[in-house]
Amino acid sequence: MTLNGDSEHNGHARRLSIQYGRKRIEYQLLYSARKTLAIDVHPDLSVVVTAPKGADDNAIDEKMHKRAAWIVQQQRFFENYLPTIPPRRYVSGESHRYLGRQYRLRVHQGDEETVKMSRGQINVTLVDPSKKTRIKTLVVSWFRKRAEAVFQELFDDMATKVERHGIKADRFEIRRMKNRWGSCTKEGHILLNPDLVIAPKQCIEYVIVHEICHLQEHNHGPGFYRLLKALMPDWEKRRERLNNCVSPS
């Protein structure tokens, strides 16, 4: 038996794990009055198993191994979700990311409204620096324009590369999404979150290719990951860097 845990079967919640290939799947085991076993994978990648009271450990272990591939698939799906980005106050000295690098926001008084990047700083000039809402509008607009330019350049490059594999990617749209870096609709429209411009270009390329794969593979099954691996062999390293680049500063 390969079920491992840190407590005995006493009716309370238990922290357990199984080995699936090179990956160890950790999960929380709960008991309830239900008649069947349920496995849930949450967006934070945690796995919760709810079993009938008195369920046999061997039966749970067998069920977990049968569903291991599905669990890993769901975790991979959720790994493309947008981590929480700290709220911004848009004041001088605040840190902002752009293409993987940190920049300090500096607010200046001047006769015209401008936003310029220089020597590790994003300099915002406006007539009344006390107007926080106007500062936010200027900065958000600047980031969106930069996102449009950067995404277009990278999308065109990736579209040319995937065309060699028989995949045609014509265009994308920029759309703010609550918890996704990118998406591909059922109609085949690729959407990219403007917040993605905070990430390094290699990570943006990963999200673009990830969504392009959905033009051919509409779910996150084995075929999807085979295609993703063929188009971008180092996609896992890029995804990991993407997940790390938005940690609170």
Protein backbone atom coordinates (compact mmCIF):
# COMPACT_ATOMS: atom_id res chain seq x y z
CA MET A 1 0.00 0.00 0.00
CA THR A 2 1.40 3.41 -0.98
CA LEU A 3 -0.96 5.65 1.01
CA ASN A 4 1.06 7.81 3.39
CA GLY A 5 -0.16 10.19 6.08
CA ASP A 6 0.60 11.92 9.34
CA SER A 7 -2.26 10.54 11.44
CA GLU A 8 -4.26 7.41 12.08
CA HIS A 9 -7.71 6.81 10.68
CA ASN A 10 -9.75 8.37 13.51
CA GLY A 11 -12.61 10.01 11.65
CA HIS A 12 -10.97 13.42 11.52
CA ALA A 13 -9.29 15.24 8.61
CA ARG A 14 -6.01 13.66 7.54
CA ARG A 15 -3.07 14.89 5.48
CA LEU A 16 -2.04 12.14 3.06
CA SER A 17 -0.17 11.61 -0.19
CA ILE A 18 0.42 9.15 -3.01
CA GLN A 19 3.26 8.82 -5.48
CA TYR A 20 2.39 9.22 -9.17
CA GLY A 21 5.48 8.75 -11.30
CA ARG A 22 7.94 11.42 -10.20
CA LYS A 23 5.20 13.55 -8.68
CA ARG A 24 3.89 13.27 -5.14
CA ILE A 25 0.25 14.22 -4.85
CA GLU A 26 -0.61 15.53 -1.40
CA TYR A 27 -4.22 15.79 -0.32
CA GLN A 28 -6.53 16.32 2.60
CA LEU A 29 -8.87 13.45 3.43
CA LEU A 30 -12.21 14.27 5.03
CA TYR A 31 -15.05 11.99 6.07
CA SER A 32 -18.77 12.61 5.74
CA ALA A 33 -22.11 10.81 5.58
CA ARG A 34 -21.91 10.64 1.78
CA LYS A 35 -22.09 7.26 0.06
CA THR A 36 -19.38 7.77 -2.57
CA LEU A 37 -15.85 9.18 -2.62
CA ALA A 38 -15.34 12.67 -4.12
CA ILE A 39 -12.07 14.25 -5.29
CA ASP A 40 -11.83 18.02 -5.71
CA VAL A 41 -8.88 20.01 -7.09
CA HIS A 42 -8.95 23.69 -6.13
CA PRO A 43 -7.41 26.72 -7.94
CA ASP A 44 -4.64 26.87 -5.28
CA LEU A 45 -3.68 23.33 -6.50
CA SER A 46 -4.80 21.73 -3.23
CA VAL A 47 -6.58 18.38 -3.41
CA VAL A 48 -9.44 17.52 -1.07
CA VAL A 49 -10.88 14.01 -0.89
CA THR A 50 -14.20 13.43 0.86
CA ALA A 51 -14.86 9.79 1.71
CA PRO A 52 -17.77 7.95 3.37
CA LYS A 53 -17.31 7.40 7.10
CA GLY A 54 -15.48 4.13 7.69
CA ALA A 55 -14.09 3.98 4.14
CA ASP A 56 -11.24 1.51 3.72
CA ASP A 57 -7.78 3.04 3.23
CA ASN A 58 -6.94 0.56 0.49
CA ALA A 59 -10.06 1.53 -1.46
CA ILE A 60 -9.17 5.22 -1.15
CA ASP A 61 -5.62 4.50 -2.24
CA GLU A 62 -6.84 2.59 -5.29
CA LYS A 63 -9.24 5.36 -6.25
CA MET A 64 -6.55 8.02 -5.89
CA HIS A 65 -4.18 6.14 -8.17
CA LYS A 66 -6.93 5.69 -10.76
CA ARG A 67 -7.63 9.43 -10.73
CA ALA A 68 -3.99 10.56 -10.42
CA ALA A 69 -3.63 11.52 -14.08
CA TRP A 70 -6.83 13.56 -13.89
CA ILE A 71 -5.67 15.28 -10.68
CA VAL A 72 -2.35 16.31 -12.26
CA GLN A 73 -4.21 17.52 -15.37
CA GLN A 74 -6.47 19.72 -13.23
CA GLN A 75 -3.51 21.12 -11.31
CA ARG A 76 -1.80 22.01 -14.58
CA PHE A 77 -4.97 23.74 -15.72
CA PHE A 78 -5.17 25.84 -12.56
CA GLU A 79 -1.48 26.72 -12.76
CA ASN A 80 -2.34 28.99 -15.66
CA TYR A 81 -4.63 31.04 -13.44
CA LEU A 82 -3.62 34.55 -12.53
CA PRO A 83 -2.14 34.80 -9.02
CA THR A 84 -3.36 37.67 -6.88
CA ILE A 85 -1.59 40.91 -7.77
CA PRO A 86 -1.20 43.30 -4.84
CA PRO A 87 -3.48 46.37 -5.11
CA ARG A 88 -1.78 49.54 -6.27
CA ARG A 89 -2.02 53.00 -4.65
CA TYR A 90 -0.28 54.89 -7.49
CA VAL A 91 1.95 57.00 -5.27
CA SER A 92 5.60 57.97 -5.61
CA GLY A 93 7.99 55.22 -4.59
CA GLU A 94 5.56 52.40 -5.31
CA SER A 95 7.02 49.39 -7.14
CA HIS A 96 5.59 48.29 -10.49
CA ARG A 97 6.70 45.44 -12.74
CA TYR A 98 7.15 45.65 -16.49
CA LEU A 99 8.46 42.75 -18.59
CA GLY A 100 9.84 41.05 -15.49
CA ARG A 101 11.72 44.03 -14.06
CA GLN A 102 10.93 46.27 -11.11
CA TYR A 103 10.37 50.00 -11.65
CA ARG A 104 9.67 52.76 -9.14
CA LEU A 105 6.78 55.09 -9.80
CA ARG A 106 7.69 58.76 -9.54
CA VAL A 107 5.05 61.48 -9.71
CA HIS A 108 6.07 64.99 -10.85
CA GLN A 109 4.28 68.29 -11.33
CA GLY A 110 4.38 69.78 -14.82
CA ASP A 111 2.48 71.65 -17.51
CA GLU A 112 1.47 68.55 -19.48
CA GLU A 113 0.47 64.96 -18.79
CA THR A 114 3.12 62.38 -19.69
CA VAL A 115 4.27 58.92 -18.67
CA LYS A 116 7.85 57.99 -19.49
CA MET A 117 10.15 55.17 -18.44
CA SER A 118 13.76 56.01 -17.63
CA ARG A 119 16.55 54.46 -15.54
CA GLY A 120 14.43 52.08 -13.53
CA GLN A 121 11.62 54.57 -13.01
CA ILE A 122 8.18 55.22 -14.43
CA ASN A 123 7.85 59.00 -14.36
CA VAL A 124 4.35 60.45 -14.36
CA THR A 125 3.95 64.19 -14.93
CA LEU A 126 0.67 66.06 -14.47
CA VAL A 127 -0.54 69.51 -13.41
CA ASP A 128 -1.98 68.38 -10.06
CA PRO A 129 0.00 65.47 -8.49
CA SER A 130 -2.57 65.19 -5.69
CA LYS A 131 -5.14 63.70 -8.08
CA LYS A 132 -4.60 59.99 -7.42
CA THR A 133 -7.37 58.89 -9.75
CA ARG A 134 -5.77 60.78 -12.65
CA ILE A 135 -2.37 59.26 -11.88
CA LYS A 136 -3.96 55.80 -11.96
CA THR A 137 -5.68 56.55 -15.27
CA LEU A 138 -2.43 57.70 -16.86
CA VAL A 139 -0.40 54.72 -15.60
CA VAL A 140 -3.02 52.11 -16.49
CA SER A 141 -3.38 53.61 -19.97
CA TRP A 142 0.39 53.59 -20.45
CA PHE A 143 0.68 49.94 -19.40
CA ARG A 144 -2.16 48.94 -21.73
CA LYS A 145 -0.54 50.66 -24.70
CA ARG A 146 2.73 48.91 -23.93
CA ALA A 147 0.84 45.60 -23.60
CA GLU A 148 -0.74 46.10 -27.03
CA ALA A 149 2.65 46.69 -28.65
CA VAL A 150 4.51 43.89 -26.86
CA PHE A 151 1.74 41.31 -27.27
CA GLN A 152 1.38 42.05 -30.98
CA GLU A 153 5.10 41.59 -31.57
CA LEU A 154 5.25 38.30 -29.66
CA PHE A 155 1.96 36.98 -31.02
CA ASP A 156 3.06 37.54 -34.62
CA ASP A 157 6.33 35.74 -33.90
CA MET A 158 4.62 32.78 -32.20
CA ALA A 159 1.94 32.58 -34.91
CA THR A 160 4.66 32.22 -37.55
CA LYS A 161 6.30 29.40 -35.60
CA VAL A 162 3.12 27.40 -34.96
CA GLU A 163 2.10 27.71 -38.60
CA ARG A 164 4.85 25.18 -39.36
CA HIS A 165 2.81 22.71 -37.30
CA GLY A 166 -0.33 23.38 -39.30
CA ILE A 167 -1.93 25.76 -36.78
CA LYS A 168 -3.24 29.10 -37.98
CA ALA A 169 -3.48 31.85 -35.36
CA ASP A 170 -4.83 35.05 -36.89
CA ARG A 171 -5.35 37.49 -34.06
CA PHE A 172 -5.93 38.11 -30.38
CA GLU A 173 -7.83 40.53 -28.19
CA ILE A 174 -6.76 42.26 -25.01
CA ARG A 175 -9.30 41.82 -22.26
CA ARG A 176 -8.96 42.22 -18.52
CA MET A 177 -9.84 38.96 -16.79
CA LYS A 178 -10.29 38.47 -13.08
CA ASN A 179 -8.20 35.35 -12.65
CA ARG A 180 -6.66 34.31 -15.96
CA TRP A 181 -3.56 35.37 -17.88
CA GLY A 182 -5.14 34.25 -21.11
CA SER A 183 -8.08 32.39 -22.57
CA CYS A 184 -9.33 30.82 -25.77
CA THR A 185 -13.09 30.98 -26.33
CA LYS A 186 -15.19 28.22 -27.85
CA GLU A 187 -15.31 30.34 -30.99
CA GLY A 188 -11.51 30.29 -31.23
CA HIS A 189 -10.85 33.85 -30.04
CA ILE A 190 -7.62 34.25 -28.10
CA LEU A 191 -7.77 36.69 -25.18
CA LEU A 192 -4.79 38.09 -23.31
CA ASN A 193 -4.91 39.91 -19.99
CA PRO A 194 -3.16 43.32 -20.13
CA ASP A 195 -1.66 42.59 -16.69
CA LEU A 196 0.48 39.94 -18.39
CA VAL A 197 2.81 42.76 -19.49
CA ILE A 198 4.37 42.60 -16.01
CA ALA A 199 5.95 39.26 -16.94
CA PRO A 200 9.16 38.56 -18.90
CA LYS A 201 8.73 38.10 -22.64
CA GLN A 202 9.47 34.37 -22.41
CA CYS A 203 6.53 33.99 -20.03
CA ILE A 204 4.24 36.02 -22.30
CA GLU A 205 5.25 33.74 -25.17
CA TYR A 206 4.28 30.73 -23.04
CA VAL A 207 0.78 32.09 -22.38
CA ILE A 208 0.32 32.91 -26.07
CA VAL A 209 1.38 29.42 -27.16
CA HIS A 210 -0.73 27.85 -24.41
CA GLU A 211 -3.83 29.56 -25.78
CA ILE A 212 -2.89 28.88 -29.40
CA CYS A 213 -2.77 25.16 -28.55
CA HIS A 214 -6.44 25.41 -27.60
CA LEU A 215 -7.28 26.26 -31.19
CA GLN A 216 -6.49 22.62 -31.94
CA GLU A 217 -6.90 20.93 -28.55
CA HIS A 218 -9.94 22.34 -26.75
CA ASN A 219 -9.23 20.86 -23.33
CA HIS A 220 -6.24 20.03 -21.15
CA GLY A 221 -6.03 16.38 -22.10
CA PRO A 222 -2.89 14.43 -23.07
CA GLY A 223 -3.12 15.69 -26.65
CA PHE A 224 -2.94 19.29 -25.46
CA TYR A 225 0.27 18.72 -23.51
CA ARG A 226 1.86 16.76 -26.35
CA LEU A 227 1.20 19.69 -28.66
CA LEU A 228 2.41 22.24 -26.11
CA LYS A 229 5.62 20.25 -25.61
CA ALA A 230 6.18 20.07 -29.37
CA LEU A 231 5.69 23.80 -29.81
CA MET A 232 7.55 24.87 -26.67
CA PRO A 233 9.77 22.17 -25.09
CA ASP A 234 10.64 24.34 -22.08
CA TRP A 235 7.07 25.45 -21.31
CA GLU A 236 7.17 24.17 -17.72
CA LYS A 237 10.18 26.34 -16.86
CA ARG A 238 8.48 29.35 -18.42
CA ARG A 239 5.27 28.68 -16.50
CA GLU A 240 7.16 28.35 -13.23
CA ARG A 241 8.93 31.66 -13.86
CA LEU A 242 5.58 33.26 -14.66
CA ASN A 243 4.10 32.06 -11.37
CA ASN A 244 7.11 33.38 -9.45
CA CYS A 245 7.30 36.78 -11.10
CA VAL A 246 4.14 38.17 -9.48
CA SER A 247 4.95 37.48 -5.85
CA PRO A 248 4.31 40.53 -3.64
CA SER A 249 7.13 43.06 -3.79
